[in-house]
Amino acid sequence: MSVLPKISEAEWEVMKVVWARTCPCTANEIVDALGGIAEWKPNTVKTLINRLVKKRALSYKEERRIYLYYSLVSEAECVRSETKTFVKRVFGGALKPMLVSFLKEEKLSDDEIDELKRILEERKG
């Protein structure tokens, strides 16, 4: 999909459930999966599902009067798009200030620091 839909914070929770599954799932399965995360009523979750279908983030197939929902956009695509939007909105599109901000504010383990060094070395080429 060339233009990714804008997904709200609540819709992200629904998408994460769908992305975590290897096969299409019913609305009730999504409701059950979100039971421990959000205290939403089933109709709220179904409304979110319908919004995602209208936005073309989800689609469905009908089998014996049961709707099975599946993603039309990948998690990686959406994360990439959200990251770019965030960096542009908060840091004026500049990546370095964002990285510096996160590195100064977050406590990183030695393993995480080593991983970041490895990634930077690979990028350096």
Protein backbone atom coordinates (compact mmCIF):
# COMPACT_ATOMS: atom_id res chain seq x y z
CA MET A 1 0.00 0.00 0.00
CA SER A 2 1.56 3.33 -1.07
CA VAL A 3 -0.26 5.69 1.34
CA LEU A 4 -0.49 4.37 4.86
CA PRO A 5 -3.58 5.19 6.89
CA LYS A 6 -3.32 7.36 10.00
CA ILE A 7 -3.91 4.99 12.90
CA SER A 8 -5.00 6.33 16.29
CA GLU A 9 -3.48 5.13 19.55
CA ALA A 10 -6.52 2.95 20.30
CA GLU A 11 -6.49 1.52 16.77
CA TRP A 12 -2.81 0.62 17.24
CA GLU A 13 -3.84 -1.73 20.06
CA VAL A 14 -6.19 -3.55 17.68
CA MET A 15 -3.55 -3.67 14.95
CA LYS A 16 -0.98 -5.15 17.35
CA VAL A 17 -3.36 -8.03 18.08
CA VAL A 18 -3.90 -8.67 14.36
CA TRP A 19 -0.18 -8.37 13.55
CA ALA A 20 0.68 -10.86 16.30
CA ARG A 21 -1.51 -13.54 14.72
CA THR A 22 -0.39 -15.73 11.87
CA CYS A 23 -3.90 -16.16 10.50
CA PRO A 24 -7.02 -13.98 10.25
CA CYS A 25 -8.97 -13.55 13.48
CA THR A 26 -12.54 -12.85 14.46
CA ALA A 27 -13.72 -9.71 16.21
CA ASN A 28 -14.35 -11.78 19.34
CA GLU A 29 -10.74 -13.04 19.30
CA ILE A 30 -9.55 -9.44 19.11
CA VAL A 31 -11.90 -8.46 21.96
CA ASP A 32 -10.56 -11.36 24.07
CA ALA A 33 -6.92 -10.49 23.31
CA LEU A 34 -7.50 -6.88 24.35
CA GLY A 35 -9.30 -7.91 27.54
CA GLY A 36 -6.15 -7.72 29.64
CA ILE A 37 -4.85 -4.56 27.97
CA ALA A 38 -7.80 -2.19 27.78
CA GLU A 39 -11.08 -2.10 29.59
CA TRP A 40 -13.05 -1.59 26.42
CA LYS A 41 -16.50 -2.99 25.85
CA PRO A 42 -16.82 -5.38 22.88
CA ASN A 43 -18.72 -2.74 20.89
CA THR A 44 -15.83 -0.30 21.33
CA VAL A 45 -13.39 -2.83 19.90
CA LYS A 46 -15.77 -3.59 17.02
CA THR A 47 -16.04 0.14 16.29
CA LEU A 48 -12.23 0.36 16.16
CA ILE A 49 -12.14 -2.65 13.81
CA ASN A 50 -14.71 -1.00 11.53
CA ARG A 51 -12.69 2.23 11.46
CA LEU A 52 -9.58 0.27 10.50
CA VAL A 53 -11.51 -1.46 7.70
CA LYS A 54 -12.72 1.93 6.41
CA LYS A 55 -9.14 3.25 6.55
CA ARG A 56 -8.00 0.16 4.63
CA ALA A 57 -5.62 -0.92 7.38
CA LEU A 58 -7.67 -4.08 7.88
CA SER A 59 -9.82 -6.16 5.61
CA TYR A 60 -11.89 -9.27 6.14
CA LYS A 61 -13.20 -12.37 4.52
CA GLU A 62 -16.49 -13.94 5.40
CA GLU A 63 -16.70 -17.65 6.14
CA ARG A 64 -20.04 -19.10 7.19
CA ARG A 65 -21.31 -15.72 8.43
CA ILE A 66 -18.13 -15.15 10.46
CA TYR A 67 -15.87 -12.25 9.59
CA LEU A 68 -12.16 -13.01 9.68
CA TYR A 69 -9.98 -9.89 9.87
CA TYR A 70 -6.46 -9.52 8.53
CA SER A 71 -4.02 -6.67 8.06
CA LEU A 72 -3.54 -4.85 4.77
CA VAL A 73 -0.48 -3.00 6.08
CA SER A 74 2.57 -4.44 7.78
CA GLU A 75 3.67 -3.51 11.25
CA ALA A 76 7.10 -2.53 9.91
CA GLU A 77 5.55 -0.11 7.38
CA CYS A 78 3.42 1.52 10.05
CA VAL A 79 6.27 1.81 12.54
CA ARG A 80 8.49 3.38 9.86
CA SER A 81 5.76 5.87 8.93
CA GLU A 82 5.00 6.77 12.55
CA THR A 83 8.69 7.20 13.29
CA LYS A 84 9.14 9.61 10.39
CA THR A 85 6.04 11.56 11.44
CA PHE A 86 7.27 11.75 15.05
CA VAL A 87 10.78 12.89 14.09
CA LYS A 88 9.37 15.52 11.75
CA ARG A 89 6.80 16.81 14.25
CA VAL A 90 8.93 16.82 17.40
CA PHE A 91 12.48 17.29 16.08
CA GLY A 92 11.87 19.16 12.83
CA GLY A 93 12.91 16.12 10.86
CA ALA A 94 16.41 16.02 12.36
CA LEU A 95 17.41 12.56 13.51
CA LYS A 96 20.51 13.48 15.53
CA PRO A 97 18.69 15.58 18.19
CA MET A 98 16.16 12.79 18.61
CA LEU A 99 18.87 10.19 19.14
CA VAL A 100 20.77 12.43 21.55
CA SER A 101 17.58 13.10 23.50
CA PHE A 102 16.73 9.41 23.83
CA LEU A 103 20.29 8.42 24.69
CA LYS A 104 20.51 11.04 27.44
CA GLU A 105 17.10 10.20 28.93
CA GLU A 106 16.98 6.40 28.74
CA LYS A 107 18.99 3.98 30.83
CA LEU A 108 20.60 1.48 28.48
CA SER A 109 22.10 -1.88 29.36
CA ASP A 110 25.60 -2.78 28.20
CA ASP A 111 24.04 -5.14 25.63
CA GLU A 112 21.86 -2.36 24.25
CA ILE A 113 24.84 -0.02 24.01
CA ASP A 114 26.86 -2.72 22.21
CA GLU A 115 23.96 -3.27 19.79
CA LEU A 116 23.73 0.45 19.06
CA LYS A 117 27.50 0.60 18.45
CA ARG A 118 27.23 -2.37 16.08
CA ILE A 119 24.41 -0.71 14.13
CA LEU A 120 26.34 2.56 13.86
CA GLU A 121 29.48 0.74 12.69
CA GLU A 122 27.47 -1.07 10.01
CA ARG A 123 26.01 2.26 8.86
CA LYS A 124 29.48 3.80 8.80
CA GLY A 125 30.37 1.08 6.38
